[in-house]
């Protein structure tokens, strides 16, 4: 009997390139998203709530991923964005900053 070989992960399905009309729609959406993020940044300046400020950082990560996707001809609305490893780590940190450690809060309290 032959040694069992570990299964290779399936390759991601290729994403079809977008046509020029869709690319223009996506660029316009990205422009609007960027404007909204800028307004959010301006308005939150007077708010003394660090978790709320982390939402803006999440916006920046999303916008960066959308720009990368669009520059390679990918539809970031239909196919999502791909995060770099450092972005993924930042997102996890920002979610904890915004919501706290939910798992820790939901854990039963230790008895003394």
PDB file of N, CA and C in Angstrom:
ATOM      1  N   UNK A   1       0.852  -1.166   0.000  1.00  0.00           N
ATOM      2  CA  UNK A   1       0.000   0.000   0.000  1.00  0.00           C
ATOM      3  C   UNK A   1       0.901   1.234   0.000  1.00  0.00           C
ATOM      4  N   UNK A   2       0.618   2.188  -0.860  1.00  0.00           N
ATOM      5  CA  UNK A   2       1.432   3.399  -0.980  1.00  0.00           C
ATOM      6  C   UNK A   2       1.117   4.352   0.169  1.00  0.00           C
ATOM      7  N   UNK A   3       2.144   5.146   0.527  1.00  0.00           N
ATOM      8  CA  UNK A   3       1.926   6.159   1.565  1.00  0.00           C
ATOM      9  C   UNK A   3       0.923   7.185   1.076  1.00  0.00           C
ATOM     10  N   UNK A   4       0.035   7.572   1.953  1.00  0.00           N
ATOM     11  CA  UNK A   4      -0.962   8.582   1.596  1.00  0.00           C
ATOM     12  C   UNK A   4      -0.282   9.943   1.490  1.00  0.00           C
ATOM     13  N   UNK A   5      -0.534  10.617   0.418  1.00  0.00           N
ATOM     14  CA  UNK A   5       0.004  11.958   0.205  1.00  0.00           C
ATOM     15  C   UNK A   5      -1.003  12.977   0.710  1.00  0.00           C
ATOM     16  N   UNK A   6      -0.523  14.019   1.387  1.00  0.00           N
ATOM     17  CA  UNK A   6      -1.464  15.048   1.827  1.00  0.00           C
ATOM     18  C   UNK A   6      -2.109  15.717   0.619  1.00  0.00           C
ATOM     19  N   UNK A   7      -3.376  16.024   0.764  1.00  0.00           N
ATOM     20  CA  UNK A   7      -4.102  16.672  -0.320  1.00  0.00           C
ATOM     21  C   UNK A   7      -3.561  18.075  -0.542  1.00  0.00           C
ATOM     22  N   UNK A   8      -3.417  18.423  -1.797  1.00  0.00           N
ATOM     23  CA  UNK A   8      -2.967  19.779  -2.124  1.00  0.00           C
ATOM     24  C   UNK A   8      -4.172  20.703  -2.074  1.00  0.00           C
ATOM     25  N   UNK A   9      -3.979  21.916  -1.542  1.00  0.00           N
ATOM     26  CA  UNK A   9      -5.104  22.855  -1.525  1.00  0.00           C
ATOM     27  C   UNK A   9      -5.517  23.199  -2.946  1.00  0.00           C
ATOM     28  N   UNK A  10      -6.810  23.346  -3.132  1.00  0.00           N
ATOM     29  CA  UNK A  10      -7.324  23.697  -4.453  1.00  0.00           C
ATOM     30  C   UNK A  10      -6.885  25.109  -4.808  1.00  0.00           C
ATOM     31  N   UNK A  11      -6.501  25.279  -6.049  1.00  0.00           N
ATOM     32  CA  UNK A  11      -6.106  26.612  -6.505  1.00  0.00           C
ATOM     33  C   UNK A  11      -7.348  27.485  -6.611  1.00  0.00           C
ATOM     34  N   UNK A  12      -7.167  28.750  -6.289  1.00  0.00           N
ATOM     35  CA  UNK A  12      -8.290  29.682  -6.378  1.00  0.00           C
ATOM     36  C   UNK A  12      -8.727  29.799  -7.830  1.00  0.00           C
ATOM     37  N   UNK A  13     -10.026  29.840  -8.021  1.00  0.00           N
ATOM     38  CA  UNK A  13     -10.557  29.974  -9.374  1.00  0.00           C
ATOM     39  C   UNK A  13     -10.140  31.323  -9.937  1.00  0.00           C
ATOM     40  N   UNK A  14      -9.731  31.342 -11.200  1.00  0.00           N
ATOM     41  CA  UNK A  14      -9.339  32.621 -11.779  1.00  0.00           C
ATOM     42  C   UNK A  14     -10.537  33.562 -11.860  1.00  0.00           C
ATOM     43  N   UNK A  15     -10.257  34.816 -11.596  1.00  0.00           N
ATOM     44  CA  UNK A  15     -11.317  35.821 -11.623  1.00  0.00           C
ATOM     45  C   UNK A  15     -11.291  36.489 -12.992  1.00  0.00           C
ATOM     46  N   UNK A  16     -12.453  36.552 -13.629  1.00  0.00           N
ATOM     47  CA  UNK A  16     -12.538  37.163 -14.944  1.00  0.00           C
ATOM     48  C   UNK A  16     -12.207  38.651 -14.868  1.00  0.00           C
ATOM     49  N   UNK A  17     -11.511  39.132 -15.871  1.00  0.00           N
ATOM     50  CA  UNK A  17     -11.190  40.560 -15.947  1.00  0.00           C
ATOM     51  C   UNK A  17     -12.479  41.333 -16.204  1.00  0.00           C
ATOM     52  N   UNK A  18     -12.514  42.546 -15.718  1.00  0.00           N
ATOM     53  CA  UNK A  18     -13.702  43.370 -15.872  1.00  0.00           C
ATOM     54  C   UNK A  18     -13.607  44.207 -17.145  1.00  0.00           C
ATOM     55  N   UNK A  19     -14.760  44.524 -17.702  1.00  0.00           N
ATOM     56  CA  UNK A  19     -14.760  45.365 -18.905  1.00  0.00           C
ATOM     57  C   UNK A  19     -14.603  46.834 -18.508  1.00  0.00           C
ATOM     58  N   UNK A  20     -14.362  47.680 -19.483  1.00  0.00           N
ATOM     59  CA  UNK A  20     -14.084  49.098 -19.217  1.00  0.00           C
ATOM     60  C   UNK A  20     -15.253  49.809 -18.541  1.00  0.00           C
ATOM     61  N   UNK A  21     -16.474  49.463 -18.920  1.00  0.00           N
ATOM     62  CA  UNK A  21     -17.640  50.115 -18.314  1.00  0.00           C
ATOM     63  C   UNK A  21     -17.724  49.801 -16.823  1.00  0.00           C
ATOM     64  N   UNK A  22     -17.545  48.518 -16.477  1.00  0.00           N
ATOM     65  CA  UNK A  22     -17.584  48.119 -15.072  1.00  0.00           C
ATOM     66  C   UNK A  22     -16.415  48.738 -14.311  1.00  0.00           C
ATOM     67  N   UNK A  23     -15.250  48.801 -14.949  1.00  0.00           N
ATOM     68  CA  UNK A  23     -14.081  49.396 -14.310  1.00  0.00           C
ATOM     69  C   UNK A  23     -14.361  50.863 -13.963  1.00  0.00           C
ATOM     70  N   UNK A  24     -15.020  51.585 -14.846  1.00  0.00           N
ATOM     71  CA  UNK A  24     -15.369  52.977 -14.594  1.00  0.00           C
ATOM     72  C   UNK A  24     -16.364  53.083 -13.432  1.00  0.00           C
ATOM     73  N   UNK A  25     -17.346  52.172 -13.398  1.00  0.00           N
ATOM     74  CA  UNK A  25     -18.308  52.152 -12.286  1.00  0.00           C
ATOM     75  C   UNK A  25     -17.587  51.927 -10.957  1.00  0.00           C
ATOM     76  N   UNK A  26     -16.668  50.977 -10.945  1.00  0.00           N
ATOM     77  CA  UNK A  26     -15.921  50.655  -9.730  1.00  0.00           C
ATOM     78  C   UNK A  26     -15.039  51.822  -9.308  1.00  0.00           C
ATOM     79  N   UNK A  27     -14.428  52.493 -10.276  1.00  0.00           N
ATOM     80  CA  UNK A  27     -13.589  53.645  -9.956  1.00  0.00           C
ATOM     81  C   UNK A  27     -14.434  54.762  -9.354  1.00  0.00           C
ATOM     82  N   UNK A  28     -15.613  54.997  -9.915  1.00  0.00           N
ATOM     83  CA  UNK A  28     -16.508  56.021  -9.377  1.00  0.00           C
ATOM     84  C   UNK A  28     -16.955  55.672  -7.958  1.00  0.00           C
ATOM     85  N   UNK A  29     -17.246  54.416  -7.724  1.00  0.00           N
ATOM     86  CA  UNK A  29     -17.623  53.976  -6.379  1.00  0.00           C
ATOM     87  C   UNK A  29     -16.463  54.171  -5.416  1.00  0.00           C
ATOM     88  N   UNK A  30     -15.278  53.821  -5.852  1.00  0.00           N
ATOM     89  CA  UNK A  30     -14.085  54.002  -5.023  1.00  0.00           C
ATOM     90  C   UNK A  30     -13.856  55.478  -4.712  1.00  0.00           C
ATOM     91  N   UNK A  31     -14.085  56.346  -5.683  1.00  0.00           N
ATOM     92  CA  UNK A  31     -13.956  57.786  -5.439  1.00  0.00           C
ATOM     93  C   UNK A  31     -14.947  58.241  -4.376  1.00  0.00           C
ATOM     94  N   UNK A  32     -16.193  57.777  -4.447  1.00  0.00           N
ATOM     95  CA  UNK A  32     -17.208  58.154  -3.456  1.00  0.00           C
ATOM     96  C   UNK A  32     -16.849  57.616  -2.076  1.00  0.00           C
ATOM     97  N   UNK A  33     -16.366  56.383  -2.033  1.00  0.00           N
ATOM     98  CA  UNK A  33     -15.955  55.787  -0.757  1.00  0.00           C
ATOM     99  C   UNK A  33     -14.838  56.627  -0.126  1.00  0.00           C
ATOM    100  N   UNK A  34     -13.888  57.045  -0.932  1.00  0.00           N
ATOM    101  CA  UNK A  34     -12.761  57.841  -0.432  1.00  0.00           C
ATOM    102  C   UNK A  34     -13.237  59.183   0.114  1.00  0.00           C
ATOM    103  N   UNK A  35     -14.188  59.801  -0.565  1.00  0.00           N
ATOM    104  CA  UNK A  35     -14.729  61.075  -0.090  1.00  0.00           C
ATOM    105  C   UNK A  35     -15.438  60.883   1.252  1.00  0.00           C
ATOM    106  N   UNK A  36     -16.233  59.826   1.350  1.00  0.00           N
ATOM    107  CA  UNK A  36     -16.943  59.544   2.603  1.00  0.00           C
ATOM    108  C   UNK A  36     -15.952  59.290   3.733  1.00  0.00           C
ATOM    109  N   UNK A  37     -14.887  58.557   3.437  1.00  0.00           N
ATOM    110  CA  UNK A  37     -13.863  58.298   4.458  1.00  0.00           C
ATOM    111  C   UNK A  37     -13.207  59.602   4.905  1.00  0.00           C
ATOM    112  N   UNK A  38     -12.980  60.511   3.963  1.00  0.00           N
ATOM    113  CA  UNK A  38     -12.393  61.802   4.311  1.00  0.00           C
ATOM    114  C   UNK A  38     -13.318  62.628   5.197  1.00  0.00           C
ATOM    115  N   UNK A  39     -14.608  62.605   4.877  1.00  0.00           N
ATOM    116  CA  UNK A  39     -15.589  63.325   5.698  1.00  0.00           C
ATOM    117  C   UNK A  39     -15.661  62.703   7.089  1.00  0.00           C
ATOM    118  N   UNK A  40     -15.652  61.383   7.153  1.00  0.00           N
ATOM    119  CA  UNK A  40     -15.656  60.685   8.428  1.00  0.00           C
ATOM    120  C   UNK A  40     -14.460  61.127   9.262  1.00  0.00           C
ATOM    121  N   UNK A  41     -13.306  61.198   8.619  1.00  0.00           N
ATOM    122  CA  UNK A  41     -12.074  61.596   9.304  1.00  0.00           C
ATOM    123  C   UNK A  41     -12.207  63.009   9.870  1.00  0.00           C
ATOM    124  N   UNK A  42     -12.748  63.913   9.083  1.00  0.00           N
ATOM    125  CA  UNK A  42     -12.934  65.301   9.525  1.00  0.00           C
ATOM    126  C   UNK A  42     -13.906  65.379  10.697  1.00  0.00           C
ATOM    127  N   UNK A  43     -15.009  64.689  10.583  1.00  0.00           N
ATOM    128  CA  UNK A  43     -16.048  64.756  11.613  1.00  0.00           C
ATOM    129  C   UNK A  43     -15.649  64.080  12.910  1.00  0.00           C
ATOM    130  N   UNK A  44     -14.846  63.028  12.828  1.00  0.00           N
ATOM    131  CA  UNK A  44     -14.504  62.292  14.049  1.00  0.00           C
ATOM    132  C   UNK A  44     -13.358  62.951  14.813  1.00  0.00           C
ATOM    133  N   UNK A  45     -12.734  63.961  14.217  1.00  0.00           N
ATOM    134  CA  UNK A  45     -11.601  64.623  14.854  1.00  0.00           C
ATOM    135  C   UNK A  45     -11.899  65.142  16.249  1.00  0.00           C
ATOM    136  N   UNK A  46     -13.121  65.555  16.485  1.00  0.00           N
ATOM    137  CA  UNK A  46     -13.476  66.123  17.794  1.00  0.00           C
ATOM    138  C   UNK A  46     -14.060  65.076  18.750  1.00  0.00           C
ATOM    139  N   UNK A  47     -14.109  63.846  18.316  1.00  0.00           N
ATOM    140  CA  UNK A  47     -14.669  62.782  19.152  1.00  0.00           C
ATOM    141  C   UNK A  47     -13.531  62.089  19.900  1.00  0.00           C
ATOM    142  N   UNK A  48     -13.607  62.075  21.215  1.00  0.00           N
ATOM    143  CA  UNK A  48     -12.570  61.467  22.027  1.00  0.00           C
ATOM    144  C   UNK A  48     -12.958  60.016  22.338  1.00  0.00           C
ATOM    145  N   UNK A  49     -12.856  59.175  21.314  1.00  0.00           N
ATOM    146  CA  UNK A  49     -13.211  57.762  21.463  1.00  0.00           C
ATOM    147  C   UNK A  49     -12.298  56.952  20.548  1.00  0.00           C
ATOM    148  N   UNK A  50     -11.207  56.419  21.122  1.00  0.00           N
ATOM    149  CA  UNK A  50     -10.211  55.706  20.317  1.00  0.00           C
ATOM    150  C   UNK A  50     -10.786  54.511  19.557  1.00  0.00           C
ATOM    151  N   UNK A  51     -11.697  53.738  20.150  1.00  0.00           N
ATOM    152  CA  UNK A  51     -12.268  52.643  19.367  1.00  0.00           C
ATOM    153  C   UNK A  51     -12.990  53.136  18.103  1.00  0.00           C
ATOM    154  N   UNK A  52     -13.643  54.279  18.203  1.00  0.00           N
ATOM    155  CA  UNK A  52     -14.342  54.837  17.050  1.00  0.00           C
ATOM    156  C   UNK A  52     -13.354  55.255  15.970  1.00  0.00           C
ATOM    157  N   UNK A  53     -12.193  55.766  16.352  1.00  0.00           N
ATOM    158  CA  UNK A  53     -11.166  56.162  15.393  1.00  0.00           C
ATOM    159  C   UNK A  53     -10.625  54.952  14.632  1.00  0.00           C
ATOM    160  N   UNK A  54     -10.670  53.785  15.232  1.00  0.00           N
ATOM    161  CA  UNK A  54     -10.180  52.573  14.570  1.00  0.00           C
ATOM    162  C   UNK A  54     -11.033  52.219  13.355  1.00  0.00           C
ATOM    163  N   UNK A  55     -12.278  52.666  13.345  1.00  0.00           N
ATOM    164  CA  UNK A  55     -13.136  52.410  12.183  1.00  0.00           C
ATOM    165  C   UNK A  55     -12.531  53.062  10.947  1.00  0.00           C
ATOM    166  N   UNK A  56     -11.966  54.244  11.106  1.00  0.00           N
ATOM    167  CA  UNK A  56     -11.329  54.934   9.983  1.00  0.00           C
ATOM    168  C   UNK A  56     -10.152  54.137   9.459  1.00  0.00           C
ATOM    169  N   UNK A  57      -9.394  53.508  10.354  1.00  0.00           N
ATOM    170  CA  UNK A  57      -8.267  52.681   9.928  1.00  0.00           C
ATOM    171  C   UNK A  57      -8.756  51.482   9.124  1.00  0.00           C
ATOM    172  N   UNK A  58      -9.890  50.908   9.511  1.00  0.00           N
ATOM    173  CA  UNK A  58     -10.472  49.814   8.730  1.00  0.00           C
ATOM    174  C   UNK A  58     -10.856  50.293   7.332  1.00  0.00           C
ATOM    175  N   UNK A  59     -11.389  51.511   7.255  1.00  0.00           N
ATOM    176  CA  UNK A  59     -11.737  52.080   5.953  1.00  0.00           C
ATOM    177  C   UNK A  59     -10.499  52.173   5.061  1.00  0.00           C
ATOM    178  N   UNK A  60      -9.385  52.638   5.637  1.00  0.00           N
ATOM    179  CA  UNK A  60      -8.148  52.769   4.865  1.00  0.00           C
ATOM    180  C   UNK A  60      -7.682  51.429   4.315  1.00  0.00           C
ATOM    181  N   UNK A  61      -7.779  50.388   5.120  1.00  0.00           N
ATOM    182  CA  UNK A  61      -7.366  49.055   4.678  1.00  0.00           C
ATOM    183  C   UNK A  61      -8.262  48.576   3.543  1.00  0.00           C
ATOM    184  N   UNK A  62      -9.568  48.793   3.676  1.00  0.00           N
ATOM    185  CA  UNK A  62     -10.492  48.386   2.616  1.00  0.00           C
ATOM    186  C   UNK A  62     -10.206  49.154   1.325  1.00  0.00           C
ATOM    187  N   UNK A  63     -10.020  50.463   1.438  1.00  0.00           N
ATOM    188  CA  UNK A  63      -9.756  51.283   0.255  1.00  0.00           C
ATOM    189  C   UNK A  63      -8.466  50.846  -0.431  1.00  0.00           C
ATOM    190  N   UNK A  64      -7.421  50.560   0.342  1.00  0.00           N
ATOM    191  CA  UNK A  64      -6.154  50.093  -0.235  1.00  0.00           C
ATOM    192  C   UNK A  64      -6.353  48.777  -0.990  1.00  0.00           C
ATOM    193  N   UNK A  65      -7.131  47.867  -0.409  1.00  0.00           N
ATOM    194  CA  UNK A  65      -7.401  46.596  -1.083  1.00  0.00           C
ATOM    195  C   UNK A  65      -8.221  46.780  -2.348  1.00  0.00           C
ATOM    196  N   UNK A  66      -9.175  47.701  -2.303  1.00  0.00           N
ATOM    197  CA  UNK A  66     -10.002  47.975  -3.488  1.00  0.00           C
ATOM    198  C   UNK A  66      -9.157  48.579  -4.605  1.00  0.00           C
ATOM    199  N   UNK A  67      -8.238  49.472  -4.248  1.00  0.00           N
ATOM    200  CA  UNK A  67      -7.342  50.069  -5.244  1.00  0.00           C
ATOM    201  C   UNK A  67      -6.485  48.986  -5.892  1.00  0.00           C
ATOM    202  N   UNK A  68      -5.935  48.085  -5.074  1.00  0.00           N
ATOM    203  CA  UNK A  68      -5.112  46.986  -5.614  1.00  0.00           C
ATOM    204  C   UNK A  68      -5.931  46.110  -6.552  1.00  0.00           C
ATOM    205  N   UNK A  69      -7.141  45.772  -6.123  1.00  0.00           N
ATOM    206  CA  UNK A  69      -7.992  44.908  -6.947  1.00  0.00           C
ATOM    207  C   UNK A  69      -8.295  45.579  -8.283  1.00  0.00           C
ATOM    208  N   UNK A  70      -8.680  46.826  -8.229  1.00  0.00           N
ATOM    209  CA  UNK A  70      -9.036  47.544  -9.450  1.00  0.00           C
ATOM    210  C   UNK A  70      -7.834  47.685 -10.380  1.00  0.00           C
ATOM    211  N   UNK A  71      -6.655  47.891  -9.818  1.00  0.00           N
ATOM    212  CA  UNK A  71      -5.454  48.051 -10.652  1.00  0.00           C
ATOM    213  C   UNK A  71      -5.074  46.761 -11.368  1.00  0.00           C
ATOM    214  N   UNK A  72      -5.555  45.628 -10.850  1.00  0.00           N
ATOM    215  CA  UNK A  72      -5.283  44.343 -11.515  1.00  0.00           C
ATOM    216  C   UNK A  72      -6.495  43.845 -12.290  1.00  0.00           C
ATOM    217  N   UNK A  73      -7.516  44.712 -12.416  1.00  0.00           N
ATOM    218  CA  UNK A  73      -8.685  44.342 -13.210  1.00  0.00           C
ATOM    219  C   UNK A  73      -9.674  43.450 -12.489  1.00  0.00           C
ATOM    220  N   UNK A  74      -9.641  43.428 -11.162  1.00  0.00           N
ATOM    221  CA  UNK A  74     -10.571  42.606 -10.377  1.00  0.00           C
ATOM    222  C   UNK A  74     -11.723  43.462  -9.871  1.00  0.00           C
ATOM    223  N   UNK A  75     -12.898  42.883  -9.829  1.00  0.00           N
ATOM    224  CA  UNK A  75     -14.094  43.550  -9.327  1.00  0.00           C
ATOM    225  C   UNK A  75     -14.140  43.373  -7.814  1.00  0.00           C
ATOM    226  N   UNK A  76     -13.779  44.421  -7.085  1.00  0.00           N
ATOM    227  CA  UNK A  76     -13.692  44.316  -5.631  1.00  0.00           C
ATOM    228  C   UNK A  76     -15.062  44.241  -4.965  1.00  0.00           C
ATOM    229  N   UNK A  77     -16.119  44.682  -5.646  1.00  0.00           N
ATOM    230  CA  UNK A  77     -17.460  44.583  -5.058  1.00  0.00           C
ATOM    231  C   UNK A  77     -18.005  43.166  -5.176  1.00  0.00           C
ATOM    232  N   UNK A  78     -17.838  42.558  -6.338  1.00  0.00           N
ATOM    233  CA  UNK A  78     -18.359  41.201  -6.543  1.00  0.00           C
ATOM    234  C   UNK A  78     -17.452  40.120  -5.965  1.00  0.00           C
ATOM    235  N   UNK A  79     -16.140  40.377  -5.935  1.00  0.00           N
ATOM    236  CA  UNK A  79     -15.187  39.339  -5.522  1.00  0.00           C
ATOM    237  C   UNK A  79     -14.462  39.645  -4.226  1.00  0.00           C
ATOM    238  N   UNK A  80     -14.771  40.762  -3.603  1.00  0.00           N
ATOM    239  CA  UNK A  80     -14.101  41.122  -2.360  1.00  0.00           C
ATOM    240  C   UNK A  80     -12.683  41.590  -2.615  1.00  0.00           C
ATOM    241  N   UNK A  81     -11.982  41.847  -1.529  1.00  0.00           N
ATOM    242  CA  UNK A  81     -10.586  42.280  -1.645  1.00  0.00           C
ATOM    243  C   UNK A  81      -9.699  41.233  -0.989  1.00  0.00           C
ATOM    244  N   UNK A  82      -8.460  41.211  -1.428  1.00  0.00           N
ATOM    245  CA  UNK A  82      -7.482  40.317  -0.828  1.00  0.00           C
ATOM    246  C   UNK A  82      -6.618  41.141   0.117  1.00  0.00           C
ATOM    247  N   UNK A  83      -6.537  40.685   1.347  1.00  0.00           N
ATOM    248  CA  UNK A  83      -5.720  41.380   2.334  1.00  0.00           C
ATOM    249  C   UNK A  83      -4.308  40.833   2.328  1.00  0.00           C
ATOM    250  N   UNK A  84      -3.341  41.726   2.495  1.00  0.00           N
ATOM    251  CA  UNK A  84      -1.960  41.303   2.717  1.00  0.00           C
ATOM    252  C   UNK A  84      -1.886  40.788   4.153  1.00  0.00           C
ATOM    253  N   UNK A  85      -0.856  40.035   4.469  1.00  0.00           N
ATOM    254  CA  UNK A  85      -0.719  39.466   5.813  1.00  0.00           C
ATOM    255  C   UNK A  85      -0.721  40.546   6.893  1.00  0.00           C
ATOM    256  N   UNK A  86       0.004  41.636   6.649  1.00  0.00           N
ATOM    257  CA  UNK A  86       0.059  42.702   7.655  1.00  0.00           C
ATOM    258  C   UNK A  86      -1.295  43.400   7.793  1.00  0.00           C
ATOM    259  N   UNK A  87      -2.038  43.496   6.696  1.00  0.00           N
ATOM    260  CA  UNK A  87      -3.376  44.090   6.768  1.00  0.00           C
ATOM    261  C   UNK A  87      -4.323  43.198   7.563  1.00  0.00           C
ATOM    262  N   UNK A  88      -4.222  41.903   7.332  1.00  0.00           N
ATOM    263  CA  UNK A  88      -5.079  40.956   8.058  1.00  0.00           C
ATOM    264  C   UNK A  88      -4.807  41.054   9.562  1.00  0.00           C
ATOM    265  N   UNK A  89      -3.543  41.140   9.928  1.00  0.00           N
ATOM    266  CA  UNK A  89      -3.186  41.285  11.345  1.00  0.00           C
ATOM    267  C   UNK A  89      -3.721  42.608  11.895  1.00  0.00           C
ATOM    268  N   UNK A  90      -3.625  43.665  11.101  1.00  0.00           N
ATOM    269  CA  UNK A  90      -4.145  44.967  11.534  1.00  0.00           C
ATOM    270  C   UNK A  90      -5.656  44.928  11.722  1.00  0.00           C
ATOM    271  N   UNK A  91      -6.349  44.266  10.808  1.00  0.00           N
ATOM    272  CA  UNK A  91      -7.815  44.169  10.920  1.00  0.00           C
ATOM    273  C   UNK A  91      -8.190  43.458  12.215  1.00  0.00           C
ATOM    274  N   UNK A  92      -7.508  42.372  12.520  1.00  0.00           N
ATOM    275  CA  UNK A  92      -7.805  41.637  13.750  1.00  0.00           C
ATOM    276  C   UNK A  92      -7.549  42.517  14.972  1.00  0.00           C
ATOM    277  N   UNK A  93      -6.456  43.263  14.964  1.00  0.00           N
ATOM    278  CA  UNK A  93      -6.137  44.163  16.070  1.00  0.00           C
ATOM    279  C   UNK A  93      -7.175  45.277  16.185  1.00  0.00           C
ATOM    280  N   UNK A  94      -7.571  45.840  15.044  1.00  0.00           N
ATOM    281  CA  UNK A  94      -8.561  46.927  15.054  1.00  0.00           C
ATOM    282  C   UNK A  94      -9.928  46.447  15.537  1.00  0.00           C
ATOM    283  N   UNK A  95     -10.319  45.252  15.145  1.00  0.00           N
ATOM    284  CA  UNK A  95     -11.606  44.707  15.607  1.00  0.00           C
ATOM    285  C   UNK A  95     -11.581  44.558  17.126  1.00  0.00           C
ATOM    286  N   UNK A  96     -10.476  44.080  17.669  1.00  0.00           N
ATOM    287  CA  UNK A  96     -10.340  43.983  19.132  1.00  0.00           C
ATOM    288  C   UNK A  96     -10.374  45.366  19.772  1.00  0.00           C
ATOM    289  N   UNK A  97      -9.759  46.341  19.119  1.00  0.00           N
ATOM    290  CA  UNK A  97      -9.738  47.710  19.638  1.00  0.00           C
ATOM    291  C   UNK A  97     -11.158  48.297  19.663  1.00  0.00           C
ATOM    292  N   UNK A  98     -11.942  47.977  18.637  1.00  0.00           N
ATOM    293  CA  UNK A  98     -13.304  48.515  18.533  1.00  0.00           C
ATOM    294  C   UNK A  98     -14.257  47.803  19.489  1.00  0.00           C
ATOM    295  N   UNK A  99     -14.241  46.479  19.468  1.00  0.00           N
ATOM    296  CA  UNK A  99     -15.240  45.701  20.202  1.00  0.00           C
ATOM    297  C   UNK A  99     -14.732  45.067  21.474  1.00  0.00           C
ATOM    298  N   UNK A 100     -13.438  45.122  21.712  1.00  0.00           N
ATOM    299  CA  UNK A 100     -12.889  44.448  22.874  1.00  0.00           C
ATOM    300  C   UNK A 100     -12.753  42.962  22.591  1.00  0.00           C
ATOM    301  N   UNK A 101     -12.287  42.224  23.570  1.00  0.00           N
ATOM    302  CA  UNK A 101     -12.121  40.778  23.411  1.00  0.00           C
ATOM    303  C   UNK A 101     -13.427  40.105  23.788  1.00  0.00           C
ATOM    304  N   UNK A 102     -14.291  39.913  22.803  1.00  0.00           N
ATOM    305  CA  UNK A 102     -15.622  39.358  23.037  1.00  0.00           C
ATOM    306  C   UNK A 102     -15.533  37.961  23.652  1.00  0.00           C
ATOM    307  N   UNK A 103     -14.577  37.162  23.198  1.00  0.00           N
ATOM    308  CA  UNK A 103     -14.441  35.805  23.735  1.00  0.00           C
ATOM    309  C   UNK A 103     -14.150  35.850  25.232  1.00  0.00           C
ATOM    310  N   UNK A 104     -13.326  36.799  25.647  1.00  0.00           N
ATOM    311  CA  UNK A 104     -12.982  36.920  27.060  1.00  0.00           C
ATOM    312  C   UNK A 104     -14.207  37.375  27.856  1.00  0.00           C
ATOM    313  N   UNK A 105     -14.985  38.294  27.293  1.00  0.00           N
ATOM    314  CA  UNK A 105     -16.171  38.792  27.970  1.00  0.00           C
ATOM    315  C   UNK A 105     -17.241  37.703  28.129  1.00  0.00           C
ATOM    316  N   UNK A 106     -17.342  36.821  27.139  1.00  0.00           N
ATOM    317  CA  UNK A 106     -18.353  35.765  27.149  1.00  0.00           C
ATOM    318  C   UNK A 106     -17.938  34.544  27.952  1.00  0.00           C
ATOM    319  N   UNK A 107     -16.662  34.475  28.314  1.00  0.00           N
ATOM    320  CA  UNK A 107     -16.166  33.322  29.075  1.00  0.00           C
ATOM    321  C   UNK A 107     -16.727  33.371  30.482  1.00  0.00           C
ATOM    322  N   UNK A 108     -17.018  32.204  31.051  1.00  0.00           N
ATOM    323  CA  UNK A 108     -17.523  32.198  32.441  1.00  0.00           C
ATOM    324  C   UNK A 108     -16.452  32.723  33.386  1.00  0.00           C
ATOM    325  N   UNK A 109     -16.880  33.458  34.378  1.00  0.00           N
ATOM    326  CA  UNK A 109     -15.951  34.025  35.352  1.00  0.00           C
ATOM    327  C   UNK A 109     -15.350  32.901  36.188  1.00  0.00           C
ATOM    328  N   UNK A 110     -14.057  33.055  36.500  1.00  0.00           N
ATOM    329  CA  UNK A 110     -13.382  32.061  37.322  1.00  0.00           C
ATOM    330  C   UNK A 110     -13.791  32.246  38.785  1.00  0.00           C
ATOM    331  N   UNK A 111     -13.984  31.128  39.448  1.00  0.00           N
ATOM    332  CA  UNK A 111     -14.329  31.191  40.876  1.00  0.00           C
ATOM    333  C   UNK A 111     -13.052  31.217  41.680  1.00  0.00           C
ATOM    334  N   UNK A 112     -13.039  32.051  42.683  1.00  0.00           N
ATOM    335  CA  UNK A 112     -11.833  32.196  43.524  1.00  0.00           C
ATOM    336  C   UNK A 112     -11.744  31.115  44.543  1.00  0.00           C
TER     337      UNK A 112
END
